[in-house]
Amino acid sequence: MNKFLLIIFVFLSFSGYGQTQIKAPENAMTELEEFKKKEKFAKDSTSFYTGVADPKMRTVLTDKINKAADDFKAVAEGESPTAKKYQDMIKIGLSRFSDVKMDLDTEDRERLCGYFEELMDIVGLESSGGHLMMFMYGFSLPESPKSGE
């Protein structure tokens, strides 16, 4: 009987792993809309980022990252927003760039990941679940239990 209870306890302990709800700050929806309005992939002399020179490509990239902001908004407004749901949206958002990834240089990919980090900050997400590192470098580090929540 004790073995049975132990198995149930272990199962219940891990069944909620990664499912901790994340309540977005009150101003998150406004910040997500402001994020969408700002110019992206433009030259930034404060960080020596040269920007994406081709205006058409800059528009394509901006549209793709703005869709990621919409994804985050949908999770935040939905039932039970969790780190896993946001991380799934990061994975989906990054996959939208697969057709142009080879056209992006390292600085552009870093800038793109920086935009995803901004979105994470807006909703209070601490970890991308390794998706940003996988996008940048082709591998991810093992997640600690706390950061995967």
Protein backbone atom coordinates (compact mmCIF):
# COMPACT_ATOMS: atom_id res chain seq x y z
CA MET A 1 0.00 0.00 0.00
CA ASN A 2 2.82 2.47 0.84
CA LYS A 3 4.45 1.73 -2.50
CA PHE A 4 1.19 2.63 -4.25
CA LEU A 5 0.97 5.97 -2.41
CA LEU A 6 4.58 6.73 -3.24
CA ILE A 7 3.96 6.10 -6.94
CA ILE A 8 0.90 8.38 -6.91
CA PHE A 9 2.86 11.10 -5.08
CA VAL A 10 5.73 10.93 -7.58
CA PHE A 11 3.32 11.00 -10.53
CA LEU A 12 1.45 14.00 -9.16
CA SER A 13 4.69 15.79 -8.38
CA PHE A 14 5.91 15.56 -11.96
CA SER A 15 2.59 15.92 -13.76
CA GLY A 16 2.55 19.66 -13.05
CA TYR A 17 6.20 20.20 -13.97
CA GLY A 18 6.50 23.17 -16.31
CA GLN A 19 2.89 24.12 -15.77
CA THR A 20 3.29 26.90 -13.24
CA GLN A 21 0.97 29.71 -14.21
CA ILE A 22 2.53 33.01 -15.15
CA LYS A 23 0.31 35.97 -14.51
CA ALA A 24 1.45 38.72 -16.84
CA PRO A 25 1.85 42.18 -15.28
CA GLU A 26 -1.16 44.49 -15.62
CA ASN A 27 0.57 46.63 -18.24
CA ALA A 28 1.69 43.64 -20.36
CA MET A 29 -0.96 44.06 -23.06
CA THR A 30 -0.07 47.73 -23.50
CA GLU A 31 3.64 46.90 -23.60
CA LEU A 32 3.07 44.16 -26.19
CA GLU A 33 1.21 46.65 -28.40
CA GLU A 34 3.98 49.23 -27.92
CA PHE A 35 6.54 46.56 -28.81
CA LYS A 36 4.72 45.95 -32.09
CA LYS A 37 4.74 49.67 -32.96
CA LYS A 38 8.45 50.24 -32.50
CA GLU A 39 10.87 50.13 -35.40
CA LYS A 40 12.86 46.90 -35.52
CA PHE A 41 16.02 45.71 -37.24
CA ALA A 42 17.04 49.32 -37.87
CA LYS A 43 20.52 50.74 -37.38
CA ASP A 44 21.34 51.33 -33.71
CA SER A 45 24.46 53.36 -33.09
CA THR A 46 24.30 52.81 -29.32
CA SER A 47 25.01 49.11 -29.79
CA PHE A 48 26.89 49.38 -33.11
CA TYR A 49 24.15 47.31 -34.77
CA THR A 50 24.15 48.16 -38.48
CA GLY A 51 20.57 47.01 -39.05
CA VAL A 52 19.04 45.13 -41.94
CA ALA A 53 19.79 47.23 -45.02
CA ASP A 54 17.07 45.86 -47.30
CA PRO A 55 13.77 47.58 -46.38
CA LYS A 56 11.72 44.66 -47.75
CA MET A 57 13.62 42.18 -45.59
CA ARG A 58 13.27 44.48 -42.58
CA THR A 59 9.49 44.51 -43.14
CA VAL A 60 9.36 40.71 -43.41
CA LEU A 61 11.39 40.29 -40.21
CA THR A 62 9.31 42.88 -38.37
CA ASP A 63 6.06 41.18 -39.38
CA LYS A 64 7.35 37.83 -38.14
CA ILE A 65 8.45 39.14 -34.73
CA ASN A 66 5.20 41.07 -34.37
CA LYS A 67 3.32 37.79 -34.89
CA ALA A 68 5.31 36.43 -31.97
CA ALA A 69 4.07 39.38 -29.88
CA ASP A 70 0.53 38.45 -30.89
CA ASP A 71 1.23 34.85 -29.85
CA PHE A 72 2.39 36.04 -26.43
CA LYS A 73 -0.69 38.22 -26.12
CA ALA A 74 -2.94 35.23 -26.90
CA VAL A 75 -1.24 33.14 -24.21
CA ALA A 76 -1.41 35.97 -21.67
CA GLU A 77 -5.11 36.50 -22.32
CA GLY A 78 -5.90 32.79 -22.47
CA GLU A 79 -6.76 30.36 -19.73
CA SER A 80 -3.88 29.29 -17.51
CA PRO A 81 -0.86 30.93 -19.16
CA THR A 82 2.21 28.83 -18.30
CA ALA A 83 5.92 29.00 -19.03
CA LYS A 84 5.50 25.98 -21.30
CA LYS A 85 2.81 27.73 -23.37
CA TYR A 86 5.01 30.80 -23.81
CA GLN A 87 8.01 28.60 -24.63
CA ASP A 88 5.94 26.80 -27.24
CA MET A 89 5.13 30.20 -28.75
CA ILE A 90 8.84 31.04 -28.84
CA LYS A 91 9.50 27.81 -30.72
CA ILE A 92 6.69 28.56 -33.18
CA GLY A 93 7.83 32.16 -33.53
CA LEU A 94 11.41 31.16 -34.27
CA SER A 95 10.23 28.61 -36.82
CA ARG A 96 8.68 31.48 -38.79
CA PHE A 97 12.22 32.67 -39.47
CA SER A 98 13.43 29.36 -40.92
CA ASP A 99 12.95 30.58 -44.49
CA VAL A 100 15.17 33.63 -43.91
CA LYS A 101 17.57 32.39 -41.23
CA MET A 102 20.37 31.77 -43.72
CA ASP A 103 20.05 35.37 -44.92
CA LEU A 104 20.60 36.73 -41.42
CA ASP A 105 24.07 37.43 -40.12
CA THR A 106 25.04 36.81 -36.51
CA GLU A 107 24.14 40.33 -35.42
CA ASP A 108 20.68 40.06 -36.97
CA ARG A 109 20.06 36.72 -35.23
CA GLU A 110 21.25 38.22 -31.94
CA ARG A 111 18.90 41.16 -32.45
CA LEU A 112 16.04 38.75 -33.17
CA CYS A 113 16.75 36.81 -29.99
CA GLY A 114 16.90 40.13 -28.14
CA TYR A 115 13.38 40.89 -29.34
CA PHE A 116 12.19 37.54 -28.01
CA GLU A 117 13.89 38.37 -24.69
CA GLU A 118 11.96 41.67 -24.63
CA LEU A 119 8.72 39.74 -25.09
CA MET A 120 9.74 37.38 -22.29
CA ASP A 121 10.45 40.33 -19.99
CA ILE A 122 7.07 41.88 -20.76
CA VAL A 123 5.17 38.79 -19.56
CA GLY A 124 7.61 37.76 -16.83
CA LEU A 125 8.97 34.61 -18.48
CA GLU A 126 12.38 33.68 -17.13
CA SER A 127 13.48 31.04 -19.65
CA SER A 128 12.96 30.34 -23.33
CA GLY A 129 13.25 26.64 -22.59
CA GLY A 130 16.46 26.53 -24.62
CA HIS A 131 14.79 27.64 -27.85
CA LEU A 132 16.78 30.87 -28.23
CA MET A 133 20.09 29.11 -27.70
CA MET A 134 19.08 26.39 -30.15
CA PHE A 135 18.19 29.04 -32.73
CA MET A 136 21.47 30.93 -32.27
CA TYR A 137 23.94 28.11 -31.78
CA GLY A 138 22.24 24.86 -32.76
CA PHE A 139 22.24 23.40 -29.25
CA SER A 140 20.75 24.11 -25.86
CA LEU A 141 21.94 23.55 -22.34
CA PRO A 142 19.98 21.30 -20.01
CA GLU A 143 17.28 23.23 -18.20
CA SER A 144 17.25 23.20 -14.43
CA PRO A 145 13.88 22.24 -12.94
CA LYS A 146 13.25 25.80 -11.74
CA SER A 147 13.94 27.48 -15.09
CA GLY A 148 11.67 25.06 -16.93
CA GLU A 149 8.65 25.97 -14.86
